[in-house]
Every structure is written in C-alpha cells, then in structure tokens.
Amino acid sequence: MLIYSLTEALIYTDNEKVFKEFYENQFFCDAEGRIFECTKRILPTSGGWRSAFKFLPNTYKVQLVFKATGKTLDKETLRSALLNRAEKVEDSDFVKFYKEYIKKADSWEQLIIGEQLN
C-alpha cells in the first residue's frame, strides 16, 4: 500500500507524468475513513498570468477530481500502514517522534494531518 499525503484537492503542477504517477487512479482516505479514487485533473482556465508565473508557489493550481469508492479504511489499518512506512525510513529523532505520535493518535485528523495531541 502506497501512502500519499494530500490535504486539499489541489496540486501545484500541470506535469502529466507527476499526475499519472502520484495521483491518477490512486486511492485517498478522508478524515472519516472513506476511500476516494483520483480520476482526473482540471487545469486552470484563467490563462495568461497564471501560466506566466506558475513557477511561483501557490500560483498555478490544478484541481483534482475524486470518485467515491464506497469503501472505508479503519484507523488501525491506516495506523499500521503509516508505521510500516516509517520503519523503512532511516531512524532519526524525527522518525522516532513520528512513530510515537502515530501510536498515540486517536482521531483521523491526528493520523492524516497531524493535529496536536493533548
């Protein structure tokens, strides 16, 4: 299982190779455990200045389109997948902190976007 983090339905590149490799036909889990498949992208229609300045951060936004799959992912499955992924990263203080954080997280928000723990 590959895990990509996505906090909004936008990406900031129109590179087709990036879209095909990391987004198209990939599955994403929302903050309630529902699974969605990314089916396509919508390029910006307001041309001119967005295209001219797309090298600037947050200027060129490509909208992602998702289709509900009707499937869900429970928190423990996501937690296990995140911990397995962290095990493959070279150990550091941050990785140790991350693993402890994931073990303690008790909500989807904490697992997915890192909401502060009490």
Protein backbone atom coordinates (compact mmCIF):
# COMPACT_ATOMS: atom_id res chain seq x y z
CA MET A 1 0.00 0.00 0.00
CA LEU A 2 1.41 3.34 -1.03
CA ILE A 3 0.54 6.33 1.10
CA TYR A 4 0.45 9.85 -0.24
CA SER A 5 -0.46 12.83 1.87
CA LEU A 6 -2.98 15.21 0.38
CA THR A 7 -4.58 17.95 2.46
CA GLU A 8 -6.61 19.57 -0.32
CA ALA A 9 -7.97 18.63 -3.74
CA LEU A 10 -5.34 20.75 -5.50
CA ILE A 11 -1.84 20.23 -6.80
CA TYR A 12 0.51 22.93 -8.00
CA THR A 13 1.89 21.39 -11.16
CA ASP A 14 0.46 20.54 -14.56
CA ASN A 15 3.18 17.96 -15.19
CA GLU A 16 1.33 14.98 -16.65
CA LYS A 17 3.96 12.49 -15.54
CA VAL A 18 3.63 13.64 -11.91
CA PHE A 19 -0.16 13.41 -12.12
CA LYS A 20 -0.10 9.92 -13.62
CA GLU A 21 2.48 8.58 -11.17
CA PHE A 22 1.22 10.05 -7.90
CA TYR A 23 -2.48 10.88 -8.33
CA GLU A 24 -4.34 9.28 -11.25
CA ASN A 25 -6.11 6.07 -10.20
CA GLN A 26 -4.59 6.33 -6.71
CA PHE A 27 -6.75 5.97 -3.62
CA PHE A 28 -7.05 8.55 -0.86
CA CYS A 29 -8.64 8.34 2.55
CA ASP A 30 -10.52 11.29 4.03
CA ALA A 31 -10.77 12.27 7.69
CA GLU A 32 -13.70 9.92 8.21
CA GLY A 33 -12.08 6.86 6.69
CA ARG A 34 -13.88 6.99 3.34
CA ILE A 35 -11.83 5.95 0.32
CA PHE A 36 -11.82 8.01 -2.89
CA GLU A 37 -10.11 7.40 -6.23
CA CYS A 38 -8.50 10.29 -8.09
CA THR A 39 -9.95 10.10 -11.59
CA LYS A 40 -8.79 13.23 -13.40
CA ARG A 41 -7.45 16.76 -13.10
CA ILE A 42 -8.83 20.11 -14.19
CA LEU A 43 -6.26 22.63 -15.38
CA PRO A 44 -6.83 26.33 -14.59
CA THR A 45 -8.90 28.12 -17.22
CA SER A 46 -7.79 31.65 -16.40
CA GLY A 47 -4.71 31.60 -18.60
CA GLY A 48 -2.26 34.44 -19.02
CA TRP A 49 -0.71 35.46 -15.75
CA ARG A 50 -1.15 32.05 -14.03
CA SER A 51 0.79 30.35 -16.80
CA ALA A 52 3.43 33.07 -16.93
CA PHE A 53 4.03 32.94 -13.18
CA LYS A 54 3.44 29.26 -12.45
CA PHE A 55 6.99 28.96 -11.13
CA LEU A 56 5.83 30.99 -8.10
CA PRO A 57 4.46 28.89 -5.20
CA ASN A 58 0.66 28.58 -4.97
CA THR A 59 0.05 30.44 -8.24
CA TYR A 60 -0.83 27.60 -10.61
CA LYS A 61 -3.48 25.35 -9.03
CA VAL A 62 -4.71 22.17 -10.70
CA GLN A 63 -7.93 20.76 -9.28
CA LEU A 64 -8.12 17.02 -8.65
CA VAL A 65 -11.39 15.16 -9.19
CA PHE A 66 -12.27 12.26 -6.91
CA LYS A 67 -14.81 9.47 -7.15
CA ALA A 68 -16.20 7.80 -4.01
CA THR A 69 -15.45 4.08 -3.94
CA GLY A 70 -17.97 3.20 -1.23
CA LYS A 71 -15.14 1.61 0.76
CA THR A 72 -13.73 2.67 4.10
CA LEU A 73 -10.44 2.25 5.93
CA ASP A 74 -10.39 1.83 9.67
CA LYS A 75 -7.99 3.83 11.84
CA GLU A 76 -5.96 0.81 12.92
CA THR A 77 -5.27 -0.25 9.34
CA LEU A 78 -4.13 3.28 8.50
CA ARG A 79 -2.03 3.44 11.68
CA SER A 80 -0.33 0.13 10.78
CA ALA A 81 0.35 1.31 7.22
CA LEU A 82 1.87 4.58 8.46
CA LEU A 83 4.06 2.78 11.00
CA ASN A 84 5.20 0.25 8.38
CA ARG A 85 6.15 3.11 6.08
CA ALA A 86 8.06 4.84 8.90
CA GLU A 87 10.01 1.63 9.56
CA LYS A 88 11.50 1.91 6.06
CA VAL A 89 12.93 5.38 6.74
CA GLU A 90 16.36 5.81 8.27
CA ASP A 91 15.99 6.29 12.02
CA SER A 92 16.29 9.83 13.31
CA ASP A 93 14.87 11.81 16.21
CA PHE A 94 12.03 12.98 13.97
CA VAL A 95 11.18 9.43 12.84
CA LYS A 96 11.13 8.27 16.48
CA PHE A 97 8.85 11.20 17.38
CA TYR A 98 6.61 10.47 14.38
CA LYS A 99 6.24 6.79 15.28
CA GLU A 100 5.32 7.64 18.88
CA TYR A 101 2.87 10.26 17.64
CA ILE A 102 1.17 7.79 15.30
CA LYS A 103 0.91 5.21 18.08
CA LYS A 104 -0.86 7.74 20.34
CA ALA A 105 -3.10 9.36 17.71
CA ASP A 106 -6.77 8.66 18.33
CA SER A 107 -8.52 10.54 15.51
CA TRP A 108 -8.38 10.58 11.73
CA GLU A 109 -7.15 14.19 11.82
CA GLN A 110 -4.23 13.25 14.02
CA LEU A 111 -3.28 10.32 11.80
CA ILE A 112 -3.68 12.14 8.49
CA ILE A 113 -2.77 15.77 9.06
CA GLY A 114 -1.03 15.75 12.42
CA GLU A 115 -3.46 17.59 14.68
CA GLN A 116 -1.81 18.35 18.03
CA LEU A 117 -2.18 15.67 20.71
CA ASN A 118 -3.30 16.59 24.20
